[in-house]
Amino acid sequence: MTPEELVNLCGDGIFNLALRLCGNTSDAQDIAQEALLKAIKGLPDFRGDSSIHTWVYRITVNTWKNWLRANSRHGGAAVPLDPVADASGLPPDTGCDVGKELEAGETKAAVDAALSEMSPEDRAILTLRELDECSYAEIAHILGLAEGTVKSRLFRAREVLRGKLSGLSKGGTYDA
């Protein structure tokens, strides 16, 4: 596989994963760029023990963990997740019912807020399973854990998220 093929195949996935993990576009771009450069440099050493996506996701998660460590040493705090918006600063128009769209947006904001308060390990495992739909085996490989450990940590992370979302009212707002 050439570097160009790697970028075309995995570039968007790397950025999307970095965005979900770190929470803001600027940092996600930095993390994704660094992860992509590491993947390109490591491409000759890729043995094919896993899929290319799993291998690149592992590099991305490790790059994010390094970013977290570097930010914590410099007094960095947890970064809230920012919504994806277009150049106008508004969410993209999907043509959906505005009321349903607002309710869905409020729910997403509540989930994003809860995720941003979680430990990096819990956020990573939930992101990989629930948002990226990785299998337990893929998550185990990406995070360097046993599958049983992935299952138990995922159960615990879901419980933590459920507890954080218990403030979610019927109207779809998050009571922090």
N, C-alpha and C. Protein backbone atom coordinates (compact mmCIF):
# COMPACT_ATOMS: atom_id res chain seq x y z
N MET A 1 0.85 -1.17 0.00
CA MET A 1 0.00 0.00 0.00
C MET A 1 0.90 1.24 0.00
N THR A 2 0.53 2.19 -0.81
CA THR A 2 1.29 3.44 -0.89
C THR A 2 0.78 4.43 0.17
N PRO A 3 1.58 5.44 0.50
CA PRO A 3 1.10 6.46 1.43
C PRO A 3 -0.18 7.14 0.93
N GLU A 4 -0.27 7.37 -0.36
CA GLU A 4 -1.47 8.01 -0.92
C GLU A 4 -2.69 7.14 -0.71
N GLU A 5 -2.54 5.82 -0.91
CA GLU A 5 -3.66 4.91 -0.70
C GLU A 5 -4.07 4.88 0.78
N LEU A 6 -3.08 4.94 1.65
CA LEU A 6 -3.36 4.96 3.09
C LEU A 6 -4.16 6.21 3.46
N VAL A 7 -3.74 7.36 2.96
CA VAL A 7 -4.45 8.61 3.24
C VAL A 7 -5.87 8.54 2.71
N ASN A 8 -6.04 8.06 1.48
CA ASN A 8 -7.38 7.98 0.89
C ASN A 8 -8.27 6.99 1.65
N LEU A 9 -7.70 5.90 2.11
CA LEU A 9 -8.47 4.86 2.77
C LEU A 9 -8.80 5.21 4.22
N CYS A 10 -7.84 5.81 4.92
CA CYS A 10 -7.98 5.97 6.37
C CYS A 10 -7.98 7.41 6.87
N GLY A 11 -7.68 8.37 6.04
CA GLY A 11 -7.53 9.76 6.49
C GLY A 11 -8.75 10.30 7.21
N ASP A 12 -9.93 10.14 6.62
CA ASP A 12 -11.15 10.64 7.26
C ASP A 12 -11.44 9.91 8.57
N GLY A 13 -11.21 8.60 8.59
CA GLY A 13 -11.45 7.83 9.80
C GLY A 13 -10.53 8.24 10.94
N ILE A 14 -9.28 8.54 10.61
CA ILE A 14 -8.33 9.00 11.62
C ILE A 14 -8.80 10.31 12.22
N PHE A 15 -9.18 11.25 11.37
CA PHE A 15 -9.64 12.55 11.88
C PHE A 15 -10.90 12.40 12.71
N ASN A 16 -11.87 11.62 12.24
CA ASN A 16 -13.13 11.45 12.97
C ASN A 16 -12.89 10.81 14.33
N LEU A 17 -12.02 9.81 14.39
CA LEU A 17 -11.71 9.19 15.68
C LEU A 17 -11.03 10.19 16.60
N ALA A 18 -10.06 10.92 16.09
CA ALA A 18 -9.36 11.93 16.90
C ALA A 18 -10.34 12.98 17.42
N LEU A 19 -11.27 13.39 16.57
CA LEU A 19 -12.27 14.39 16.98
C LEU A 19 -13.15 13.87 18.10
N ARG A 20 -13.60 12.63 17.98
CA ARG A 20 -14.46 12.06 19.02
C ARG A 20 -13.69 11.86 20.33
N LEU A 21 -12.39 11.58 20.22
CA LEU A 21 -11.60 11.35 21.43
C LEU A 21 -11.20 12.64 22.14
N CYS A 22 -10.74 13.62 21.38
CA CYS A 22 -10.20 14.82 22.03
C CYS A 22 -11.23 15.92 22.19
N GLY A 23 -12.22 15.97 21.33
CA GLY A 23 -13.32 16.88 21.54
C GLY A 23 -13.33 18.18 20.80
N ASN A 24 -12.26 18.55 20.12
CA ASN A 24 -12.35 19.79 19.35
C ASN A 24 -11.55 19.67 18.06
N THR A 25 -11.98 20.43 17.09
CA THR A 25 -11.48 20.31 15.73
C THR A 25 -10.00 20.61 15.62
N SER A 26 -9.55 21.66 16.26
CA SER A 26 -8.15 22.07 16.16
C SER A 26 -7.20 20.99 16.67
N ASP A 27 -7.48 20.48 17.87
CA ASP A 27 -6.63 19.43 18.43
C ASP A 27 -6.76 18.14 17.62
N ALA A 28 -7.97 17.85 17.15
CA ALA A 28 -8.18 16.64 16.35
C ALA A 28 -7.35 16.69 15.07
N GLN A 29 -7.26 17.86 14.45
CA GLN A 29 -6.44 18.00 13.25
C GLN A 29 -4.98 17.71 13.56
N ASP A 30 -4.49 18.24 14.68
CA ASP A 30 -3.10 18.00 15.07
C ASP A 30 -2.85 16.52 15.35
N ILE A 31 -3.75 15.91 16.11
CA ILE A 31 -3.61 14.49 16.45
C ILE A 31 -3.69 13.63 15.19
N ALA A 32 -4.65 13.92 14.33
CA ALA A 32 -4.82 13.15 13.10
C ALA A 32 -3.60 13.28 12.20
N GLN A 33 -3.08 14.49 12.08
CA GLN A 33 -1.90 14.69 11.23
C GLN A 33 -0.71 13.90 11.77
N GLU A 34 -0.50 13.97 13.08
CA GLU A 34 0.62 13.25 13.68
C GLU A 34 0.43 11.74 13.53
N ALA A 35 -0.79 11.25 13.76
CA ALA A 35 -1.07 9.82 13.63
C ALA A 35 -0.88 9.36 12.19
N LEU A 36 -1.32 10.16 11.24
CA LEU A 36 -1.18 9.80 9.84
C LEU A 36 0.30 9.75 9.44
N LEU A 37 1.08 10.71 9.92
CA LEU A 37 2.52 10.69 9.63
C LEU A 37 3.19 9.45 10.23
N LYS A 38 2.81 9.09 11.46
CA LYS A 38 3.35 7.88 12.08
C LYS A 38 2.97 6.64 11.28
N ALA A 39 1.72 6.60 10.81
CA ALA A 39 1.26 5.45 10.03
C ALA A 39 2.02 5.35 8.71
N ILE A 40 2.22 6.49 8.06
CA ILE A 40 2.95 6.48 6.78
C ILE A 40 4.38 6.01 7.00
N LYS A 41 5.03 6.53 8.05
CA LYS A 41 6.41 6.11 8.35
C LYS A 41 6.47 4.64 8.71
N GLY A 42 5.44 4.14 9.38
CA GLY A 42 5.43 2.75 9.80
C GLY A 42 4.88 1.79 8.78
N LEU A 43 4.40 2.30 7.67
CA LEU A 43 3.78 1.45 6.65
C LEU A 43 4.67 0.29 6.19
N PRO A 44 5.98 0.51 6.00
CA PRO A 44 6.82 -0.63 5.59
C PRO A 44 6.88 -1.74 6.65
N ASP A 45 6.60 -1.40 7.91
CA ASP A 45 6.65 -2.39 8.98
C ASP A 45 5.29 -3.04 9.26
N PHE A 46 4.24 -2.60 8.57
CA PHE A 46 2.91 -3.17 8.77
C PHE A 46 2.93 -4.62 8.31
N ARG A 47 2.64 -5.54 9.24
CA ARG A 47 2.74 -6.98 8.95
C ARG A 47 1.43 -7.60 8.52
N GLY A 48 0.32 -6.90 8.70
CA GLY A 48 -0.96 -7.46 8.31
C GLY A 48 -1.56 -8.38 9.36
N ASP A 49 -1.07 -8.29 10.62
CA ASP A 49 -1.64 -9.11 11.69
C ASP A 49 -3.09 -8.70 11.99
N SER A 50 -3.44 -7.49 11.61
CA SER A 50 -4.79 -6.98 11.78
C SER A 50 -5.14 -6.23 10.50
N SER A 51 -6.37 -5.71 10.44
CA SER A 51 -6.73 -4.91 9.27
C SER A 51 -5.98 -3.59 9.33
N ILE A 52 -5.84 -2.95 8.20
CA ILE A 52 -5.15 -1.66 8.14
C ILE A 52 -5.88 -0.63 9.01
N HIS A 53 -7.21 -0.71 9.04
CA HIS A 53 -8.00 0.23 9.85
C HIS A 53 -7.70 0.04 11.34
N THR A 54 -7.66 -1.20 11.79
CA THR A 54 -7.36 -1.48 13.20
C THR A 54 -5.98 -0.97 13.56
N TRP A 55 -5.01 -1.21 12.69
CA TRP A 55 -3.63 -0.77 12.91
C TRP A 55 -3.56 0.76 13.01
N VAL A 56 -4.23 1.45 12.09
CA VAL A 56 -4.23 2.91 12.08
C VAL A 56 -4.99 3.46 13.29
N TYR A 57 -6.08 2.81 13.69
CA TYR A 57 -6.82 3.26 14.86
C TYR A 57 -5.94 3.14 16.11
N ARG A 58 -5.15 2.07 16.19
CA ARG A 58 -4.27 1.91 17.35
C ARG A 58 -3.25 3.05 17.39
N ILE A 59 -2.69 3.38 16.25
CA ILE A 59 -1.74 4.50 16.18
C ILE A 59 -2.42 5.79 16.60
N THR A 60 -3.66 6.00 16.14
CA THR A 60 -4.40 7.21 16.47
C THR A 60 -4.70 7.28 17.97
N VAL A 61 -5.15 6.19 18.56
CA VAL A 61 -5.44 6.17 20.00
C VAL A 61 -4.17 6.43 20.79
N ASN A 62 -3.05 5.82 20.40
CA ASN A 62 -1.80 6.05 21.11
C ASN A 62 -1.32 7.49 20.96
N THR A 63 -1.51 8.07 19.80
CA THR A 63 -1.15 9.48 19.58
C THR A 63 -2.01 10.37 20.46
N TRP A 64 -3.30 10.07 20.57
CA TRP A 64 -4.20 10.82 21.44
C TRP A 64 -3.77 10.70 22.90
N LYS A 65 -3.40 9.49 23.34
CA LYS A 65 -2.95 9.31 24.72
C LYS A 65 -1.70 10.15 24.99
N ASN A 66 -0.77 10.18 24.04
CA ASN A 66 0.43 11.01 24.19
C ASN A 66 0.05 12.49 24.28
N TRP A 67 -0.92 12.90 23.47
CA TRP A 67 -1.41 14.28 23.49
C TRP A 67 -2.00 14.61 24.86
N LEU A 68 -2.78 13.67 25.43
CA LEU A 68 -3.36 13.88 26.76
C LEU A 68 -2.27 14.07 27.81
N ARG A 69 -1.25 13.21 27.76
CA ARG A 69 -0.15 13.31 28.73
C ARG A 69 0.56 14.65 28.59
N ALA A 70 0.83 15.06 27.37
CA ALA A 70 1.52 16.33 27.14
C ALA A 70 0.68 17.50 27.64
N ASN A 71 -0.61 17.47 27.41
CA ASN A 71 -1.48 18.56 27.86
C ASN A 71 -1.63 18.58 29.37
N SER A 72 -1.65 17.42 30.01
CA SER A 72 -1.80 17.40 31.46
C SER A 72 -0.54 17.93 32.14
N ARG A 73 0.63 17.76 31.53
CA ARG A 73 1.87 18.28 32.09
C ARG A 73 1.92 19.80 32.01
N HIS A 74 1.19 20.37 31.06
CA HIS A 74 1.19 21.81 30.87
C HIS A 74 -0.07 22.45 31.44
N GLY A 75 -0.71 21.77 32.38
CA GLY A 75 -1.88 22.35 33.04
C GLY A 75 -3.14 22.26 32.22
N GLY A 76 -3.14 21.45 31.16
CA GLY A 76 -4.33 21.31 30.34
C GLY A 76 -5.43 20.60 31.09
N ALA A 77 -6.65 21.00 30.86
CA ALA A 77 -7.79 20.38 31.51
C ALA A 77 -8.56 19.57 30.47
N ALA A 78 -9.58 18.89 30.93
CA ALA A 78 -10.43 18.15 30.01
C ALA A 78 -11.03 19.11 29.00
N VAL A 79 -11.03 18.71 27.77
CA VAL A 79 -11.52 19.57 26.69
C VAL A 79 -12.94 19.17 26.36
N PRO A 80 -13.90 20.11 26.40
CA PRO A 80 -15.27 19.75 26.06
C PRO A 80 -15.39 19.45 24.58
N LEU A 81 -16.29 18.57 24.25
CA LEU A 81 -16.51 18.23 22.86
C LEU A 81 -17.27 19.35 22.18
N ASP A 82 -16.80 19.76 21.01
CA ASP A 82 -17.52 20.82 20.30
C ASP A 82 -18.33 20.21 19.17
N PRO A 83 -19.49 20.77 18.87
CA PRO A 83 -20.32 20.22 17.81
C PRO A 83 -19.69 20.49 16.46
N VAL A 84 -19.92 19.59 15.53
CA VAL A 84 -19.44 19.79 14.17
C VAL A 84 -20.36 20.79 13.49
N ALA A 85 -19.79 21.84 12.95
CA ALA A 85 -20.58 22.88 12.31
C ALA A 85 -19.90 23.29 11.02
N ASP A 86 -20.64 23.97 10.16
CA ASP A 86 -20.05 24.45 8.93
C ASP A 86 -19.40 25.81 9.17
N ALA A 87 -18.95 26.48 8.12
CA ALA A 87 -18.24 27.75 8.24
C ALA A 87 -19.09 28.83 8.90
N SER A 88 -20.42 28.72 8.81
CA SER A 88 -21.29 29.72 9.42
C SER A 88 -21.38 29.55 10.94
N GLY A 89 -20.86 28.41 11.43
CA GLY A 89 -20.95 28.15 12.86
C GLY A 89 -22.22 27.42 13.24
N LEU A 90 -23.09 27.15 12.27
CA LEU A 90 -24.35 26.47 12.52
C LEU A 90 -24.24 25.01 12.09
N PRO A 91 -24.98 24.12 12.75
CA PRO A 91 -24.98 22.73 12.31
C PRO A 91 -25.52 22.64 10.89
N PRO A 92 -25.08 21.65 10.12
CA PRO A 92 -25.55 21.54 8.75
C PRO A 92 -27.05 21.30 8.67
N ASP A 93 -27.69 21.86 7.64
CA ASP A 93 -29.12 21.69 7.42
C ASP A 93 -29.35 20.34 6.78
N THR A 94 -30.12 19.50 7.47
CA THR A 94 -30.37 18.15 6.96
C THR A 94 -31.75 18.02 6.35
N GLY A 95 -32.56 19.06 6.42
CA GLY A 95 -33.89 18.99 5.87
C GLY A 95 -34.86 18.26 6.78
N CYS A 96 -34.47 17.98 8.03
CA CYS A 96 -35.32 17.27 8.97
C CYS A 96 -36.25 18.24 9.68
N ASP A 97 -37.23 17.68 10.36
CA ASP A 97 -38.13 18.44 11.22
C ASP A 97 -37.28 19.19 12.25
N VAL A 98 -37.47 20.50 12.34
CA VAL A 98 -36.65 21.34 13.21
C VAL A 98 -36.78 20.91 14.67
N GLY A 99 -37.97 20.60 15.13
CA GLY A 99 -38.18 20.18 16.52
C GLY A 99 -37.42 18.91 16.84
N LYS A 100 -37.52 17.93 15.95
CA LYS A 100 -36.80 16.67 16.15
C LYS A 100 -35.29 16.91 16.09
N GLU A 101 -34.88 17.79 15.19
CA GLU A 101 -33.46 18.10 15.04
C GLU A 101 -32.91 18.76 16.31
N LEU A 102 -33.70 19.68 16.89
CA LEU A 102 -33.27 20.34 18.12
C LEU A 102 -33.18 19.34 19.26
N GLU A 103 -34.18 18.47 19.38
CA GLU A 103 -34.16 17.46 20.43
C GLU A 103 -32.97 16.52 20.26
N ALA A 104 -32.72 16.08 19.03
CA ALA A 104 -31.57 15.21 18.77
C ALA A 104 -30.27 15.94 19.08
N GLY A 105 -30.20 17.23 18.73
CA GLY A 105 -29.01 18.02 19.02
C GLY A 105 -28.78 18.18 20.51
N GLU A 106 -29.86 18.37 21.27
CA GLU A 106 -29.74 18.49 22.72
C GLU A 106 -29.27 17.17 23.33
N THR A 107 -29.80 16.06 22.83
CA THR A 107 -29.39 14.75 23.33
C THR A 107 -27.92 14.50 23.00
N LYS A 108 -27.52 14.83 21.77
CA LYS A 108 -26.12 14.66 21.39
C LYS A 108 -25.23 15.53 22.25
N ALA A 109 -25.66 16.75 22.53
CA ALA A 109 -24.87 17.64 23.38
C ALA A 109 -24.73 17.06 24.78
N ALA A 110 -25.79 16.45 25.28
CA ALA A 110 -25.73 15.84 26.61
C ALA A 110 -24.76 14.67 26.62
N VAL A 111 -24.83 13.84 25.60
CA VAL A 111 -23.91 12.69 25.50
C VAL A 111 -22.48 13.19 25.37
N ASP A 112 -22.26 14.19 24.52
CA ASP A 112 -20.91 14.75 24.35
C ASP A 112 -20.38 15.32 25.66
N ALA A 113 -21.24 16.03 26.39
CA ALA A 113 -20.83 16.60 27.67
C ALA A 113 -20.47 15.49 28.66
N ALA A 114 -21.28 14.45 28.70
CA ALA A 114 -21.01 13.33 29.61
C ALA A 114 -19.71 12.63 29.21
N LEU A 115 -19.50 12.41 27.92
CA LEU A 115 -18.27 11.77 27.46
C LEU A 115 -17.04 12.60 27.81
N SER A 116 -17.16 13.91 27.69
CA SER A 116 -16.01 14.77 27.97
C SER A 116 -15.61 14.73 29.44
N GLU A 117 -16.54 14.35 30.32
CA GLU A 117 -16.26 14.26 31.75
C GLU A 117 -15.71 12.89 32.15
N MET A 118 -15.73 11.93 31.25
CA MET A 118 -15.30 10.58 31.56
C MET A 118 -13.79 10.45 31.45
N SER A 119 -13.27 9.39 32.04
CA SER A 119 -11.84 9.13 31.94
C SER A 119 -11.47 8.87 30.48
N PRO A 120 -10.24 9.15 30.10
CA PRO A 120 -9.84 8.89 28.72
C PRO A 120 -10.04 7.42 28.32
N GLU A 121 -9.79 6.50 29.25
CA GLU A 121 -9.94 5.07 28.93
C GLU A 121 -11.40 4.74 28.63
N ASP A 122 -12.31 5.26 29.47
CA ASP A 122 -13.74 5.00 29.24
C ASP A 122 -14.21 5.65 27.95
N ARG A 123 -13.76 6.88 27.70
CA ARG A 123 -14.16 7.57 26.47
C ARG A 123 -13.67 6.82 25.25
N ALA A 124 -12.44 6.33 25.29
CA ALA A 124 -11.87 5.61 24.15
C ALA A 124 -12.64 4.32 23.87
N ILE A 125 -12.91 3.55 24.91
CA ILE A 125 -13.56 2.25 24.70
C ILE A 125 -15.00 2.43 24.21
N LEU A 126 -15.72 3.43 24.74
CA LEU A 126 -17.07 3.70 24.27
C LEU A 126 -17.07 4.23 22.84
N THR A 127 -16.13 5.10 22.53
CA THR A 127 -16.04 5.65 21.17
C THR A 127 -15.78 4.55 20.17
N LEU A 128 -14.83 3.68 20.47
CA LEU A 128 -14.49 2.61 19.53
C LEU A 128 -15.65 1.65 19.33
N ARG A 129 -16.36 1.31 20.40
CA ARG A 129 -17.44 0.33 20.29
C ARG A 129 -18.74 0.93 19.76
N GLU A 130 -19.17 2.03 20.36
CA GLU A 130 -20.49 2.56 20.06
C GLU A 130 -20.51 3.50 18.85
N LEU A 131 -19.47 4.26 18.65
CA LEU A 131 -19.47 5.22 17.54
C LEU A 131 -18.76 4.67 16.30
N ASP A 132 -17.64 3.98 16.51
CA ASP A 132 -16.92 3.42 15.37
C ASP A 132 -17.31 1.98 15.07
N GLU A 133 -18.13 1.39 15.95
CA GLU A 133 -18.67 0.04 15.78
C GLU A 133 -17.57 -1.01 15.58
N CYS A 134 -16.48 -0.87 16.33
CA CYS A 134 -15.40 -1.86 16.29
C CYS A 134 -15.84 -3.10 17.07
N SER A 135 -15.35 -4.24 16.66
CA SER A 135 -15.64 -5.48 17.37
C SER A 135 -14.80 -5.52 18.65
N TYR A 136 -15.15 -6.43 19.55
CA TYR A 136 -14.37 -6.59 20.78
C TYR A 136 -12.92 -6.94 20.45
N ALA A 137 -12.73 -7.80 19.45
CA ALA A 137 -11.38 -8.20 19.06
C ALA A 137 -10.58 -7.01 18.53
N GLU A 138 -11.23 -6.17 17.73
CA GLU A 138 -10.55 -4.98 17.20
C GLU A 138 -10.19 -4.02 18.33
N ILE A 139 -11.12 -3.81 19.25
CA ILE A 139 -10.85 -2.91 20.38
C ILE A 139 -9.69 -3.47 21.21
N ALA A 140 -9.71 -4.78 21.44
CA ALA A 140 -8.63 -5.41 22.21
C ALA A 140 -7.28 -5.15 21.54
N HIS A 141 -7.24 -5.28 20.23
CA HIS A 141 -5.99 -5.06 19.51
C HIS A 141 -5.59 -3.59 19.55
N ILE A 142 -6.54 -2.70 19.34
CA ILE A 142 -6.26 -1.26 19.32
C ILE A 142 -5.74 -0.79 20.68
N LEU A 143 -6.37 -1.25 21.75
CA LEU A 143 -6.01 -0.78 23.09
C LEU A 143 -4.98 -1.67 23.79
N GLY A 144 -4.64 -2.79 23.17
CA GLY A 144 -3.66 -3.69 23.77
C GLY A 144 -4.18 -4.39 25.02
N LEU A 145 -5.44 -4.82 24.96
CA LEU A 145 -6.09 -5.47 26.09
C LEU A 145 -6.61 -6.84 25.67
N ALA A 146 -6.92 -7.67 26.65
CA ALA A 146 -7.59 -8.94 26.38
C ALA A 146 -9.07 -8.66 26.09
N GLU A 147 -9.70 -9.53 25.29
CA GLU A 147 -11.11 -9.32 24.95
C GLU A 147 -12.00 -9.28 26.19
N GLY A 148 -11.73 -10.14 27.16
CA GLY A 148 -12.52 -10.15 28.39
C GLY A 148 -12.41 -8.83 29.14
N THR A 149 -11.22 -8.26 29.11
CA THR A 149 -11.00 -6.96 29.75
C THR A 149 -11.79 -5.88 29.02
N VAL A 150 -11.81 -5.96 27.69
CA VAL A 150 -12.57 -5.00 26.89
C VAL A 150 -14.04 -5.08 27.28
N LYS A 151 -14.58 -6.28 27.37
CA LYS A 151 -15.99 -6.44 27.70
C LYS A 151 -16.32 -5.89 29.09
N SER A 152 -15.46 -6.18 30.07
CA SER A 152 -15.75 -5.69 31.42
C SER A 152 -15.58 -4.18 31.51
N ARG A 153 -14.56 -3.62 30.85
CA ARG A 153 -14.38 -2.16 30.87
C ARG A 153 -15.49 -1.45 30.11
N LEU A 154 -15.95 -2.07 29.03
CA LEU A 154 -17.05 -1.49 28.28
C LEU A 154 -18.33 -1.47 29.12
N PHE A 155 -18.58 -2.56 29.83
CA PHE A 155 -19.75 -2.60 30.72
C PHE A 155 -19.65 -1.49 31.76
N ARG A 156 -18.48 -1.35 32.39
CA ARG A 156 -18.28 -0.32 33.42
C ARG A 156 -18.42 1.08 32.81
N ALA A 157 -17.85 1.29 31.61
CA ALA A 157 -17.94 2.62 30.97
C ALA A 157 -19.38 2.96 30.62
N ARG A 158 -20.16 1.97 30.18
CA ARG A 158 -21.58 2.22 29.90
C ARG A 158 -22.32 2.61 31.16
N GLU A 159 -21.99 1.95 32.28
CA GLU A 159 -22.62 2.28 33.56
C GLU A 159 -22.27 3.71 33.97
N VAL A 160 -21.02 4.10 33.80
CA VAL A 160 -20.60 5.47 34.13
C VAL A 160 -21.36 6.46 33.26
N LEU A 161 -21.44 6.19 31.96
CA LEU A 161 -22.16 7.07 31.04
C LEU A 161 -23.64 7.15 31.42
N ARG A 162 -24.23 6.01 31.71
CA ARG A 162 -25.64 5.98 32.12
C ARG A 162 -25.84 6.84 33.36
N GLY A 163 -24.93 6.74 34.31
CA GLY A 163 -25.02 7.55 35.52
C GLY A 163 -24.91 9.04 35.22
N LYS A 164 -24.01 9.41 34.32
CA LYS A 164 -23.85 10.82 33.96
C LYS A 164 -25.06 11.34 33.21
N LEU A 165 -25.72 10.47 32.46
CA LEU A 165 -26.88 10.88 31.68
C LEU A 165 -28.18 10.80 32.48
N SER A 166 -28.10 10.37 33.72
CA SER A 166 -29.33 10.26 34.52
C SER A 166 -29.98 11.62 34.71
N GLY A 167 -29.23 12.70 34.49
CA GLY A 167 -29.78 14.04 34.55
C GLY A 167 -30.49 14.45 33.28
N LEU A 168 -30.52 13.56 32.31
CA LEU A 168 -31.18 13.86 31.04
C LEU A 168 -32.69 13.81 31.25
N SER A 169 -33.33 14.94 31.09
CA SER A 169 -34.79 15.01 31.32
C SER A 169 -35.53 14.53 30.09
N LYS A 170 -36.82 14.39 30.22
CA LYS A 170 -37.65 13.96 29.09
C LYS A 170 -37.59 14.96 27.95
N GLY A 171 -37.31 16.20 28.25
CA GLY A 171 -37.22 17.22 27.20
C GLY A 171 -35.93 17.18 26.43
N GLY A 172 -34.99 16.31 26.85
CA GLY A 172 -33.75 16.16 26.10
C GLY A 172 -32.65 17.12 26.52
N THR A 173 -32.77 17.73 27.71
CA THR A 173 -31.71 18.63 28.15
C THR A 173 -30.87 17.94 29.20
N TYR A 174 -29.65 18.36 29.31
CA TYR A 174 -28.70 17.78 30.23
C TYR A 174 -28.59 18.66 31.45
N ASP A 175 -28.88 18.10 32.62
CA ASP A 175 -28.76 18.84 33.87
C ASP A 175 -27.46 18.44 34.53
N ALA A 176 -26.43 19.25 34.37
CA ALA A 176 -25.11 18.90 34.90
C ALA A 176 -25.03 19.09 36.39
